[in-house]
Every structure is written in structure tokens, then in C-alpha cells.
Protein backbone atom coordinates (compact mmCIF):
# COMPACT_ATOMS: atom_id res chain seq x y z
CA MET A 1 66.55 131.54 76.17
CA SER A 2 65.34 130.42 72.75
CA VAL A 3 65.05 127.29 70.61
CA ARG A 4 65.56 126.91 66.87
CA GLU A 5 65.78 124.07 64.37
CA ALA A 6 69.22 122.81 63.36
CA THR A 7 70.78 123.49 59.98
CA TYR A 8 73.32 121.19 58.39
CA GLU A 9 76.10 123.55 59.49
CA ASP A 10 74.99 123.13 63.11
CA LEU A 11 75.52 119.37 63.17
CA LEU A 12 79.24 119.37 63.94
CA PRO A 13 79.06 121.76 66.93
CA ALA A 14 75.89 119.99 68.10
CA SER A 15 77.69 116.64 68.02
CA LYS A 16 80.47 118.02 70.19
CA ILE A 17 77.94 119.29 72.72
CA LEU A 18 76.35 115.84 72.88
CA ALA A 19 79.75 114.17 73.30
CA ALA A 20 80.59 116.50 76.18
CA ALA A 21 77.15 116.02 77.75
CA PHE A 22 77.33 112.22 77.61
CA LYS A 23 81.04 111.78 78.38
CA ASP A 24 80.39 110.48 81.89
CA GLU A 25 76.96 108.93 81.22
CA ALA A 26 76.72 105.13 81.49
CA LEU A 27 75.22 104.09 78.15
CA PHE A 28 76.40 106.52 75.46
CA GLY A 29 79.53 107.26 77.45
CA GLY A 30 80.92 104.19 79.21
CA HIS A 31 79.19 101.41 77.28
CA PHE A 32 79.35 102.84 73.76
CA HIS A 33 82.67 104.66 74.18
CA PRO A 34 84.86 102.81 76.68
CA TYR A 35 88.05 104.25 75.14
CA ARG A 36 86.98 107.88 75.31
CA ALA A 37 89.65 108.78 77.89
CA LYS A 38 92.35 107.72 75.45
CA TYR A 39 90.65 109.29 72.41
CA PRO A 40 88.66 112.24 73.80
CA ASP A 41 88.30 113.93 70.40
CA ASP A 42 86.61 110.93 68.73
CA MET A 43 83.39 110.45 70.67
CA HIS A 44 81.53 113.21 68.84
CA LEU A 45 81.77 111.20 65.61
CA PHE A 46 79.05 108.83 66.87
CA PHE A 47 76.66 111.71 67.45
CA LEU A 48 77.63 113.51 64.24
CA GLN A 49 76.76 110.48 62.13
CA LYS A 50 73.43 110.06 63.90
CA LEU A 51 72.63 113.74 63.53
CA ARG A 52 73.34 113.67 59.79
CA VAL A 53 70.87 110.86 59.13
CA ASP A 54 68.27 112.41 61.42
CA TRP A 55 68.74 115.82 59.80
CA ALA A 56 67.92 114.25 56.43
CA ARG A 57 64.46 113.47 57.82
CA THR A 58 63.72 116.86 59.38
CA SER A 59 61.97 118.03 56.19
CA THR A 60 59.17 115.53 56.91
CA SER A 61 58.02 117.41 60.06
CA ASP A 62 58.18 114.05 61.85
CA LEU A 63 61.63 114.78 63.25
CA HIS A 64 63.04 117.86 64.94
CA ILE A 65 66.64 118.54 65.88
CA ALA A 66 66.09 121.39 68.32
CA LEU A 67 68.90 123.66 69.52
CA SER A 68 68.78 125.96 72.51
CA HIS A 69 70.66 129.25 72.55
CA PRO A 70 70.69 132.65 74.27
CA PRO A 71 68.04 134.97 72.76
CA SER A 72 70.53 137.42 71.33
CA ASP A 73 73.00 134.83 70.05
CA PRO A 74 71.40 132.05 67.96
CA ALA A 75 74.81 130.85 66.78
CA ASN A 76 75.79 129.99 70.37
CA ILE A 77 74.36 126.47 70.72
CA THR A 78 73.88 125.46 74.35
CA GLY A 79 71.86 122.26 74.05
CA VAL A 80 70.51 119.68 71.61
CA ALA A 81 67.31 117.61 71.56
CA ILE A 82 66.10 115.08 69.00
CA TRP A 83 62.32 114.68 68.93
CA SER A 84 60.81 112.09 66.57
CA ARG A 85 57.23 111.18 65.75
CA LYS A 86 56.05 107.63 66.35
CA ARG A 87 52.96 106.59 64.38
CA ALA A 88 50.60 103.63 64.53
CA ILE A 89 51.21 103.25 60.80
CA PRO A 90 54.76 104.40 60.05
CA LYS A 91 55.16 106.79 57.13
CA PRO A 92 57.72 105.67 54.54
CA ASP A 93 60.34 108.16 53.44
CA SER A 94 59.50 110.10 50.31
CA PRO A 95 61.90 109.60 47.36
CA SER A 96 63.57 112.94 48.10
CA VAL A 97 64.04 112.16 51.80
CA ALA A 98 65.27 108.65 51.02
CA ALA A 99 67.83 110.13 48.63
CA LYS A 100 68.99 112.59 51.29
CA VAL A 101 69.30 109.80 53.85
CA LYS A 102 71.41 107.80 51.39
CA GLU A 103 73.63 110.82 50.83
CA MET A 104 74.18 111.24 54.57
CA GLU A 105 74.90 107.52 54.99
CA ALA A 106 77.49 107.73 52.23
CA ILE A 107 79.15 110.69 53.95
CA ASN A 108 79.17 108.74 57.21
CA ALA A 109 80.71 105.66 55.58
CA ALA A 110 83.46 107.71 53.94
CA GLU A 111 84.20 109.49 57.20
CA ALA A 112 84.28 106.22 59.18
CA ALA A 113 86.77 104.75 56.72
CA LYS A 114 89.01 107.81 56.86
CA THR A 115 88.54 108.83 60.51
CA PRO A 116 87.30 105.90 62.62
CA ASN A 117 85.83 106.50 66.05
CA ARG A 118 88.61 105.07 68.20
CA ALA A 119 86.74 105.86 71.41
CA ALA A 120 83.94 103.46 70.51
CA GLU A 121 83.28 99.77 71.01
CA VAL A 122 81.14 99.20 67.92
CA LYS A 123 79.77 95.82 69.05
CA ASN A 124 78.15 97.51 72.06
CA GLN A 125 76.20 100.01 69.97
CA GLY A 126 73.59 97.51 68.78
CA ILE A 127 72.07 97.24 72.25
CA LEU A 128 69.32 99.79 71.57
CA ALA A 129 68.07 98.17 68.36
CA ALA A 130 68.28 94.71 69.93
CA SER A 131 66.14 95.81 72.88
CA GLU A 132 63.30 97.31 70.82
CA ARG A 133 61.21 94.14 70.63
CA PHE A 134 61.08 93.96 74.42
CA ILE A 135 59.68 97.47 74.86
CA GLU A 136 57.70 98.22 71.69
CA HIS A 137 54.39 97.18 73.29
CA HIS A 138 54.46 100.35 75.39
CA TRP A 139 53.91 102.41 72.22
CA SER A 140 50.58 100.84 71.29
CA GLY A 141 46.92 101.73 71.56
CA SER A 142 46.49 105.46 72.13
CA ARG A 143 50.25 105.72 72.75
CA ALA A 144 51.06 104.55 69.23
CA GLU A 145 50.74 108.19 68.18
CA CYS A 146 53.53 109.86 70.13
CA TRP A 147 56.40 112.32 70.09
CA ASP A 148 59.52 110.66 71.52
CA LEU A 149 62.52 112.47 72.97
CA GLY A 150 65.33 110.27 71.74
CA LEU A 151 68.30 112.33 72.85
CA LEU A 152 68.87 115.39 75.02
CA GLY A 153 72.20 116.97 75.90
CA VAL A 154 73.27 120.34 77.26
CA ASP A 155 76.74 121.84 77.10
CA PRO A 156 78.19 121.08 80.57
CA THR A 157 79.50 124.64 80.78
CA GLN A 158 75.92 125.90 80.34
CA GLY A 159 74.24 123.69 82.93
CA GLY A 160 71.87 125.17 85.47
CA HIS A 161 70.40 127.78 83.13
CA GLY A 162 67.29 125.82 82.15
CA TYR A 163 68.30 124.91 78.61
CA GLY A 164 67.43 121.24 79.09
CA LYS A 165 63.99 122.12 80.43
CA LEU A 166 63.42 124.44 77.48
CA LEU A 167 64.23 121.69 74.97
CA VAL A 168 61.90 119.26 76.74
CA LYS A 169 59.06 121.78 76.77
CA TYR A 170 59.65 122.49 73.08
CA GLY A 171 58.74 118.91 72.16
CA LEU A 172 55.94 118.65 74.69
CA GLU A 173 54.27 121.67 73.12
CA ILE A 174 54.44 120.04 69.68
CA ALA A 175 52.84 116.87 71.09
CA ARG A 176 50.18 118.83 72.94
CA ALA A 177 49.29 120.79 69.79
CA GLU A 178 48.78 117.51 67.91
CA GLY A 179 46.80 115.97 70.75
CA VAL A 180 49.19 113.05 71.22
CA CYS A 181 51.35 111.81 74.07
CA ALA A 182 55.10 112.16 74.54
CA SER A 183 57.69 109.67 75.74
CA VAL A 184 61.29 109.47 76.87
CA ILE A 185 63.68 106.78 78.09
CA SER A 186 65.74 108.41 80.81
CA ALA A 187 69.42 108.05 81.47
CA LEU A 188 70.47 106.76 84.87
CA GLY A 189 69.90 109.43 87.51
CA ARG A 190 67.78 111.64 85.25
CA GLU A 191 64.40 110.12 86.09
CA SER A 192 63.26 112.91 88.41
CA PHE A 193 64.26 115.56 85.87
CA TYR A 194 61.74 114.18 83.38
CA THR A 195 58.97 113.45 85.85
CA SER A 196 59.20 117.04 87.11
CA LEU A 197 58.60 118.34 83.58
CA GLY A 198 55.42 116.38 82.89
CA PHE A 199 56.50 112.82 82.10
CA ASP A 200 54.36 111.75 85.02
CA VAL A 201 53.68 108.13 84.04
CA THR A 202 56.50 105.62 84.51
CA VAL A 203 55.68 102.32 82.81
CA GLY A 204 58.84 100.31 83.54
CA THR A 205 62.37 99.89 82.26
CA VAL A 206 64.02 98.66 79.07
CA ARG A 207 65.34 95.57 80.91
CA GLU A 208 62.01 94.43 82.36
CA PHE A 209 61.04 91.78 79.80
CA GLY A 210 62.78 89.04 77.85
CA GLY A 211 65.15 87.80 80.50
CA SER A 212 68.66 87.07 79.28
CA LYS A 213 67.54 87.56 75.66
CA ASN A 214 67.19 91.25 76.41
CA PRO A 215 70.63 92.90 76.09
CA PHE A 216 69.77 95.23 78.99
CA TYR A 217 69.10 92.24 81.27
CA GLY A 218 70.85 92.76 84.60
CA ARG A 219 72.26 96.13 83.52
CA GLU A 220 70.66 98.50 86.01
CA ASP A 221 73.79 100.61 85.63
CA LEU A 222 72.75 101.62 82.09
CA GLY A 223 69.52 103.34 83.12
CA GLY A 224 66.55 103.07 80.80
CA THR A 225 63.39 104.03 82.69
CA ILE A 226 60.45 104.60 80.32
CA HIS A 227 58.24 107.63 80.94
CA PHE A 228 55.14 108.99 79.23
CA CYS A 229 53.30 112.29 79.31
CA ASP A 230 49.69 111.44 78.36
CA MET A 231 48.59 115.08 78.34
CA GLY A 232 45.98 114.41 81.01
CA LYS A 233 44.27 111.66 79.00
CA GLU A 234 43.73 108.10 80.12
CA PRO A 235 45.67 105.77 77.77
CA VAL A 236 43.56 103.08 76.11
CA GLY A 237 44.40 99.91 74.21
CA VAL A 238 48.03 99.71 75.33
CA ARG A 239 49.26 96.13 74.98
CA GLU A 240 50.98 94.03 77.55
CA TYR A 241 54.33 92.42 76.74
CA GLY A 242 53.82 89.47 74.40
CA GLU A 243 50.25 90.48 73.57
CA GLU A 244 49.47 90.75 69.86
């Protein structure tokens, strides 16, 4: 098994793998796409539009769209992982990257107007952004410098071959080489998968703070356990919720 970086031409097949992987998952599946049974061919549009904007930032080396594949067949994509770099002081996009992001956003807007995602409930998709202020304290102190696994999906027909593990290890090796930690927010039922691969510190869940102001409040069904791999180092200076 091997891993390579995605090209623009890979984004469409990668989006379809993610749609298949998350079809029965609670957050990206049921919550974001409640009409996916009626419109099974539309769900990938959500992932395709995300992948386009993320791909525009891969030239910065702060974002990797990693694809797994059999060693002798790099065109046969079996899994997808998006690893992004969190920094204590965020780096602004360069003019060239900003222009590429704008281009991808324009493509997404044109596509959405022509081919809307009928499987989606758009109003539900803001839940992740709205929850950020309730969990951002976890990425502070020594954990402010971190590689985060934002999305991981394996083709359901390729499960059990270790492709997911390979994509996790790919990002962990990048983090280890930089001397920083790694993080992931696990889907419901996937907690032990990540802890077995080195995310050995569980700090809580996305619904833990903020009460009813937190859109994940009372939604245990949506998963959202936060894990870190501190690379054997003791974290220092990590804030508590509400601490400046």
C-alpha cells in the first residue's frame, strides 16, 4: 500500500469515495445529508467543493490531501485524508494561493447554481464552524502547533486492508518530523481506531462546553471526541475553557 498527494484531477473520484465512506455516518451523513437516500448521487458534491478549496492551499505545505492506493496502481484511489497545519500565529494566504482559492470558490458557486446538492440540508452544515469557539482552547500552549486530521474516508469496498491506518500514519509522520503534536475529532464509534494508532490523549468532546449555545449540545449521536497525539511530550500552557 502507498500514499500520494492529490492532483486536481483526483478530486472528483476522491469526493465520491468520501461520500460512500460517510453515507451512513451520523454527522456528514445523516445530519448534513438527510435526503441522501432520495438523491444518492448528490452527496459527493459537498466533499468535492471542500476538496477544491483545500487543494488550492496544498501548495503552502500546510495542507495535505493524501490518497492511498495499491503500490502498483496509483490511479486506483482507495482512501482520502485531509491533514492541515494549525499554528499559534496563523499564516495568511499568499497572493497566488488566495487567487487560487477564489478560483475554486467561483467554480463551486457556479456548480451549486447549476447542480445543487439535493441530498443536503444546508442549514445544518454550519454546525462545525459554530462550535469552534467552544473547543478552540484545546489547541493552545504547546498544542497550538499541530497537524490536524480533518477528514478521513476509505472506499467501503476496500475496508479491512489497512488503508485508513496508512493515511493516519502518513500525517503522524509529518507531525513527528516537525516536532509537533497531532489531533483528530473522531466520528461516533471510531474512537478506539484513533487511540490504537497513537492518539492516546482524549481531552473531551465538542459538546462539552457552552451549554445550549453550543450546537452540539445534547447531540451525543453526532460523535465528536477530541484526541491528541503529543509525541511522548508533556503538553504545557494549554488553556482551560474560557481562559484567555
